[in-house]
Amino acid sequence: MINQQDIANLQSDIQSRIGQKIIVKGSYGRSKLYEKAATIEGVYPSYFRIKFDGETNSTAHQYQSVLRGEIKVDVQNGDKYEPLVEPIVRLTRKEKALAKLKSAMEEMQANNEGNIARV
């Protein structure tokens, strides 16, 4: 879950990179992906503005979109680009249920091994 501290940390990180070159990766929907070079223009309380290279208009993105992984932002670090935020791994309900089942089975197995050792 995204909390206000996560947003504040991302906001200050982006604030320190105003004017820096970035790569923005996202989706227009229905499998239409984009990856464009841009520059960070400004930071505001709930969003930040970027300007894509070769375009006259700037666009706004919410901090939550970056934290949720809806868009990915890579920042220029020397001659290479690195992710602004590490991707958050989310498990589906099925994956959570399987992990819980696996944990329970391992616990049962450990208990059985302890019982066998006592006999």
N, C-alpha and C. Protein backbone atom coordinates (compact mmCIF):
# COMPACT_ATOMS: atom_id res chain seq x y z
N MET A 1 0.84 -1.18 0.00
CA MET A 1 0.00 0.00 0.00
C MET A 1 0.89 1.25 0.00
N ILE A 2 0.50 2.20 -0.78
CA ILE A 2 1.27 3.44 -0.90
C ILE A 2 0.87 4.38 0.23
N ASN A 3 1.86 4.88 0.96
CA ASN A 3 1.55 5.84 2.02
C ASN A 3 2.13 7.22 1.68
N GLN A 4 1.80 8.19 2.48
CA GLN A 4 2.21 9.57 2.22
C GLN A 4 3.73 9.73 2.25
N GLN A 5 4.41 8.93 3.08
CA GLN A 5 5.86 9.03 3.15
C GLN A 5 6.51 8.58 1.84
N ASP A 6 5.95 7.52 1.21
CA ASP A 6 6.46 7.07 -0.09
C ASP A 6 6.32 8.18 -1.13
N ILE A 7 5.16 8.83 -1.13
CA ILE A 7 4.92 9.92 -2.08
C ILE A 7 5.87 11.08 -1.81
N ALA A 8 6.05 11.43 -0.54
CA ALA A 8 6.95 12.54 -0.19
C ALA A 8 8.40 12.24 -0.61
N ASN A 9 8.83 10.99 -0.41
CA ASN A 9 10.19 10.61 -0.80
C ASN A 9 10.37 10.70 -2.31
N LEU A 10 9.37 10.20 -3.06
CA LEU A 10 9.45 10.26 -4.52
C LEU A 10 9.42 11.71 -4.99
N GLN A 11 8.57 12.51 -4.38
CA GLN A 11 8.46 13.93 -4.76
C GLN A 11 9.80 14.64 -4.56
N SER A 12 10.45 14.42 -3.42
CA SER A 12 11.73 15.09 -3.18
C SER A 12 12.82 14.56 -4.11
N ASP A 13 12.75 13.27 -4.45
CA ASP A 13 13.72 12.69 -5.39
C ASP A 13 13.56 13.32 -6.77
N ILE A 14 12.31 13.46 -7.21
CA ILE A 14 12.06 14.08 -8.52
C ILE A 14 12.42 15.56 -8.48
N GLN A 15 12.14 16.23 -7.36
CA GLN A 15 12.47 17.65 -7.20
C GLN A 15 13.97 17.88 -7.40
N SER A 16 14.77 16.96 -6.90
CA SER A 16 16.23 17.12 -7.02
C SER A 16 16.72 16.84 -8.45
N ARG A 17 15.83 16.34 -9.31
CA ARG A 17 16.22 15.99 -10.68
C ARG A 17 15.56 16.86 -11.75
N ILE A 18 15.02 18.01 -11.36
CA ILE A 18 14.41 18.91 -12.35
C ILE A 18 15.46 19.29 -13.39
N GLY A 19 15.07 19.19 -14.66
CA GLY A 19 15.97 19.50 -15.77
C GLY A 19 16.76 18.30 -16.25
N GLN A 20 16.68 17.19 -15.54
CA GLN A 20 17.44 16.00 -15.91
C GLN A 20 16.70 15.19 -16.97
N LYS A 21 17.47 14.54 -17.84
CA LYS A 21 16.91 13.68 -18.88
C LYS A 21 16.40 12.38 -18.25
N ILE A 22 15.24 11.92 -18.74
CA ILE A 22 14.65 10.67 -18.27
C ILE A 22 14.08 9.90 -19.45
N ILE A 23 13.78 8.64 -19.22
CA ILE A 23 13.05 7.81 -20.17
C ILE A 23 11.76 7.42 -19.48
N VAL A 24 10.63 7.67 -20.11
CA VAL A 24 9.33 7.32 -19.56
C VAL A 24 8.76 6.17 -20.36
N LYS A 25 8.33 5.13 -19.65
CA LYS A 25 7.73 3.96 -20.29
C LYS A 25 6.33 3.80 -19.74
N GLY A 26 5.36 3.64 -20.63
CA GLY A 26 3.98 3.49 -20.19
C GLY A 26 3.14 2.83 -21.25
N SER A 27 1.84 2.97 -21.08
CA SER A 27 0.89 2.32 -21.98
C SER A 27 -0.22 3.29 -22.35
N TYR A 28 -0.59 3.26 -23.62
CA TYR A 28 -1.75 4.00 -24.07
C TYR A 28 -3.01 3.16 -23.92
N GLY A 29 -2.87 1.91 -23.55
CA GLY A 29 -3.99 0.99 -23.42
C GLY A 29 -4.01 0.01 -24.58
N ARG A 30 -4.64 -1.13 -24.36
CA ARG A 30 -4.79 -2.18 -25.38
C ARG A 30 -3.48 -2.51 -26.09
N SER A 31 -2.47 -2.80 -25.29
CA SER A 31 -1.16 -3.24 -25.79
C SER A 31 -0.41 -2.19 -26.61
N LYS A 32 -0.75 -0.94 -26.43
CA LYS A 32 -0.04 0.14 -27.14
C LYS A 32 0.93 0.78 -26.14
N LEU A 33 2.17 0.33 -26.19
CA LEU A 33 3.19 0.79 -25.26
C LEU A 33 4.01 1.92 -25.87
N TYR A 34 4.58 2.73 -25.02
CA TYR A 34 5.47 3.79 -25.50
C TYR A 34 6.69 3.86 -24.60
N GLU A 35 7.77 4.34 -25.15
CA GLU A 35 9.00 4.61 -24.43
C GLU A 35 9.59 5.86 -25.06
N LYS A 36 9.60 6.96 -24.29
CA LYS A 36 10.03 8.24 -24.84
C LYS A 36 11.03 8.93 -23.92
N ALA A 37 11.94 9.66 -24.55
CA ALA A 37 12.88 10.49 -23.80
C ALA A 37 12.17 11.79 -23.42
N ALA A 38 12.47 12.28 -22.23
CA ALA A 38 11.82 13.49 -21.74
C ALA A 38 12.75 14.21 -20.76
N THR A 39 12.28 15.38 -20.30
CA THR A 39 12.97 16.16 -19.29
C THR A 39 11.98 16.53 -18.21
N ILE A 40 12.40 16.44 -16.94
CA ILE A 40 11.52 16.81 -15.83
C ILE A 40 11.44 18.34 -15.79
N GLU A 41 10.19 18.87 -15.84
CA GLU A 41 10.00 20.32 -15.86
C GLU A 41 9.64 20.90 -14.50
N GLY A 42 8.79 20.22 -13.75
CA GLY A 42 8.36 20.79 -12.48
C GLY A 42 7.73 19.76 -11.57
N VAL A 43 7.70 20.10 -10.28
CA VAL A 43 7.15 19.22 -9.25
C VAL A 43 6.06 19.98 -8.50
N TYR A 44 4.95 19.31 -8.29
CA TYR A 44 3.79 19.89 -7.60
C TYR A 44 3.33 18.92 -6.53
N PRO A 45 2.43 19.32 -5.64
CA PRO A 45 2.05 18.45 -4.52
C PRO A 45 1.56 17.05 -4.89
N SER A 46 0.80 16.91 -5.97
CA SER A 46 0.27 15.57 -6.29
C SER A 46 0.71 15.05 -7.65
N TYR A 47 1.49 15.82 -8.39
CA TYR A 47 1.94 15.37 -9.70
C TYR A 47 3.24 16.09 -10.08
N PHE A 48 3.86 15.58 -11.16
CA PHE A 48 5.04 16.25 -11.71
C PHE A 48 4.86 16.38 -13.22
N ARG A 49 5.50 17.38 -13.81
CA ARG A 49 5.37 17.64 -15.23
C ARG A 49 6.66 17.29 -15.95
N ILE A 50 6.49 16.69 -17.13
CA ILE A 50 7.63 16.36 -17.98
C ILE A 50 7.35 16.86 -19.39
N LYS A 51 8.41 17.08 -20.13
CA LYS A 51 8.28 17.48 -21.53
C LYS A 51 9.04 16.46 -22.37
N PHE A 52 8.30 15.81 -23.27
CA PHE A 52 8.92 14.82 -24.15
C PHE A 52 9.80 15.54 -25.16
N ASP A 53 10.94 14.95 -25.47
CA ASP A 53 11.86 15.53 -26.45
C ASP A 53 11.17 15.65 -27.80
N GLY A 54 11.30 16.80 -28.45
CA GLY A 54 10.73 17.02 -29.77
C GLY A 54 9.27 17.41 -29.75
N GLU A 55 8.66 17.57 -28.58
CA GLU A 55 7.26 17.98 -28.50
C GLU A 55 7.18 19.33 -27.79
N THR A 56 6.13 20.10 -28.11
CA THR A 56 6.00 21.43 -27.53
C THR A 56 5.22 21.40 -26.21
N ASN A 57 4.29 20.48 -26.06
CA ASN A 57 3.48 20.41 -24.85
C ASN A 57 4.13 19.53 -23.79
N SER A 58 3.84 19.85 -22.53
CA SER A 58 4.31 19.00 -21.45
C SER A 58 3.13 18.17 -20.93
N THR A 59 3.44 17.09 -20.23
CA THR A 59 2.39 16.23 -19.68
C THR A 59 2.62 16.08 -18.18
N ALA A 60 1.56 15.75 -17.48
CA ALA A 60 1.63 15.57 -16.03
C ALA A 60 1.43 14.10 -15.68
N HIS A 61 2.13 13.66 -14.65
CA HIS A 61 1.99 12.30 -14.15
C HIS A 61 1.90 12.35 -12.64
N GLN A 62 1.04 11.49 -12.08
CA GLN A 62 0.90 11.42 -10.63
C GLN A 62 1.99 10.55 -10.03
N TYR A 63 2.38 10.87 -8.80
CA TYR A 63 3.40 10.08 -8.11
C TYR A 63 2.91 8.65 -7.89
N GLN A 64 1.59 8.50 -7.61
CA GLN A 64 1.04 7.16 -7.39
C GLN A 64 1.20 6.28 -8.61
N SER A 65 1.12 6.86 -9.81
CA SER A 65 1.28 6.08 -11.04
C SER A 65 2.68 5.47 -11.13
N VAL A 66 3.67 6.21 -10.67
CA VAL A 66 5.04 5.71 -10.67
C VAL A 66 5.19 4.63 -9.60
N LEU A 67 4.65 4.89 -8.42
CA LEU A 67 4.79 3.92 -7.32
C LEU A 67 4.02 2.63 -7.60
N ARG A 68 2.90 2.72 -8.31
CA ARG A 68 2.13 1.52 -8.66
C ARG A 68 2.74 0.77 -9.84
N GLY A 69 3.64 1.40 -10.57
CA GLY A 69 4.27 0.76 -11.71
C GLY A 69 3.48 0.94 -13.00
N GLU A 70 2.49 1.84 -12.99
CA GLU A 70 1.71 2.10 -14.21
C GLU A 70 2.57 2.77 -15.27
N ILE A 71 3.49 3.61 -14.81
CA ILE A 71 4.51 4.16 -15.70
C ILE A 71 5.86 3.91 -15.04
N LYS A 72 6.86 3.76 -15.85
CA LYS A 72 8.21 3.55 -15.33
C LYS A 72 9.06 4.73 -15.77
N VAL A 73 9.87 5.22 -14.85
CA VAL A 73 10.73 6.37 -15.13
C VAL A 73 12.17 5.94 -14.87
N ASP A 74 13.00 6.04 -15.89
CA ASP A 74 14.43 5.78 -15.76
C ASP A 74 15.16 7.11 -15.87
N VAL A 75 16.07 7.38 -14.94
CA VAL A 75 16.80 8.65 -14.93
C VAL A 75 18.21 8.43 -15.45
N GLN A 76 18.73 9.46 -16.10
CA GLN A 76 20.07 9.38 -16.66
C GLN A 76 21.09 9.49 -15.54
N ASN A 77 22.00 8.53 -15.53
CA ASN A 77 23.08 8.51 -14.54
C ASN A 77 24.37 8.29 -15.33
N GLY A 78 25.01 9.38 -15.70
CA GLY A 78 26.19 9.28 -16.54
C GLY A 78 25.78 8.94 -17.96
N ASP A 79 26.28 7.82 -18.45
CA ASP A 79 25.94 7.42 -19.82
C ASP A 79 24.87 6.34 -19.87
N LYS A 80 24.30 5.98 -18.72
CA LYS A 80 23.25 4.96 -18.70
C LYS A 80 22.03 5.46 -17.93
N TYR A 81 20.94 4.73 -18.04
CA TYR A 81 19.70 5.08 -17.36
C TYR A 81 19.41 4.03 -16.29
N GLU A 82 18.95 4.49 -15.13
CA GLU A 82 18.60 3.61 -14.01
C GLU A 82 17.18 3.91 -13.56
N PRO A 83 16.47 2.92 -13.02
CA PRO A 83 15.09 3.15 -12.57
C PRO A 83 15.04 4.17 -11.44
N LEU A 84 14.06 5.05 -11.51
CA LEU A 84 13.86 6.04 -10.44
C LEU A 84 13.40 5.35 -9.17
N VAL A 85 12.49 4.40 -9.31
CA VAL A 85 12.00 3.60 -8.18
C VAL A 85 12.08 2.13 -8.56
N GLU A 86 12.39 1.32 -7.58
CA GLU A 86 12.40 -0.12 -7.82
C GLU A 86 10.97 -0.59 -7.99
N PRO A 87 10.73 -1.50 -8.93
CA PRO A 87 9.37 -1.99 -9.13
C PRO A 87 8.84 -2.72 -7.90
N ILE A 88 7.57 -2.53 -7.62
CA ILE A 88 6.91 -3.19 -6.50
C ILE A 88 6.34 -4.50 -7.00
N VAL A 89 6.69 -5.59 -6.31
CA VAL A 89 6.18 -6.90 -6.71
C VAL A 89 4.87 -7.14 -5.97
N ARG A 90 3.83 -7.38 -6.73
CA ARG A 90 2.53 -7.66 -6.14
C ARG A 90 2.12 -9.08 -6.51
N LEU A 91 1.61 -9.78 -5.52
CA LEU A 91 1.14 -11.13 -5.76
C LEU A 91 -0.36 -11.13 -6.01
N THR A 92 -0.79 -11.99 -6.92
CA THR A 92 -2.22 -12.16 -7.14
C THR A 92 -2.80 -12.96 -5.98
N ARG A 93 -4.11 -13.04 -5.90
CA ARG A 93 -4.74 -13.82 -4.84
C ARG A 93 -4.32 -15.28 -4.92
N LYS A 94 -4.24 -15.79 -6.12
CA LYS A 94 -3.84 -17.18 -6.31
C LYS A 94 -2.41 -17.41 -5.83
N GLU A 95 -1.51 -16.49 -6.16
CA GLU A 95 -0.12 -16.61 -5.72
C GLU A 95 0.00 -16.51 -4.20
N LYS A 96 -0.80 -15.62 -3.57
CA LYS A 96 -0.80 -15.51 -2.12
C LYS A 96 -1.30 -16.80 -1.47
N ALA A 97 -2.37 -17.37 -2.05
CA ALA A 97 -2.93 -18.62 -1.51
C ALA A 97 -1.92 -19.76 -1.64
N LEU A 98 -1.23 -19.83 -2.78
CA LEU A 98 -0.22 -20.88 -2.97
C LEU A 98 0.95 -20.72 -2.00
N ALA A 99 1.37 -19.48 -1.77
CA ALA A 99 2.46 -19.23 -0.83
C ALA A 99 2.05 -19.61 0.59
N LYS A 100 0.82 -19.32 0.97
CA LYS A 100 0.31 -19.67 2.29
C LYS A 100 0.23 -21.18 2.44
N LEU A 101 -0.25 -21.86 1.40
CA LEU A 101 -0.34 -23.32 1.41
C LEU A 101 1.05 -23.95 1.52
N LYS A 102 2.00 -23.44 0.77
CA LYS A 102 3.36 -23.95 0.81
C LYS A 102 3.96 -23.79 2.19
N SER A 103 3.73 -22.63 2.80
CA SER A 103 4.24 -22.37 4.14
C SER A 103 3.63 -23.35 5.15
N ALA A 104 2.33 -23.60 5.04
CA ALA A 104 1.66 -24.53 5.95
C ALA A 104 2.19 -25.95 5.76
N MET A 105 2.43 -26.33 4.51
CA MET A 105 2.95 -27.68 4.25
C MET A 105 4.36 -27.83 4.81
N GLU A 106 5.19 -26.81 4.68
CA GLU A 106 6.54 -26.86 5.23
C GLU A 106 6.51 -26.96 6.74
N GLU A 107 5.59 -26.24 7.37
CA GLU A 107 5.45 -26.28 8.82
C GLU A 107 5.01 -27.68 9.28
N MET A 108 4.04 -28.27 8.56
CA MET A 108 3.59 -29.62 8.89
C MET A 108 4.73 -30.62 8.74
N GLN A 109 5.51 -30.47 7.68
CA GLN A 109 6.62 -31.38 7.44
C GLN A 109 7.66 -31.26 8.56
N ALA A 110 7.93 -30.04 8.99
CA ALA A 110 8.90 -29.83 10.08
C ALA A 110 8.38 -30.45 11.37
N ASN A 111 7.08 -30.32 11.64
CA ASN A 111 6.49 -30.92 12.84
C ASN A 111 6.56 -32.43 12.78
N ASN A 112 6.31 -33.02 11.62
CA ASN A 112 6.36 -34.47 11.47
C ASN A 112 7.79 -35.00 11.66
N GLU A 113 8.77 -34.29 11.15
CA GLU A 113 10.16 -34.70 11.33
C GLU A 113 10.54 -34.67 12.80
N GLY A 114 10.04 -33.69 13.51
CA GLY A 114 10.30 -33.59 14.97
C GLY A 114 9.65 -34.75 15.70
N ASN A 115 8.45 -35.14 15.30
CA ASN A 115 7.76 -36.26 15.94
C ASN A 115 8.47 -37.57 15.67
N ILE A 116 8.97 -37.78 14.46
CA ILE A 116 9.67 -39.00 14.09
C ILE A 116 10.98 -39.11 14.89
N ALA A 117 11.66 -38.00 15.09
CA ALA A 117 12.93 -38.01 15.82
C ALA A 117 12.72 -38.40 17.28
N ARG A 118 11.57 -38.11 17.86
CA ARG A 118 11.29 -38.43 19.25
C ARG A 118 10.97 -39.91 19.44
N VAL A 119 10.54 -40.60 18.40
CA VAL A 119 10.12 -42.00 18.54
C VAL A 119 11.27 -42.91 18.67
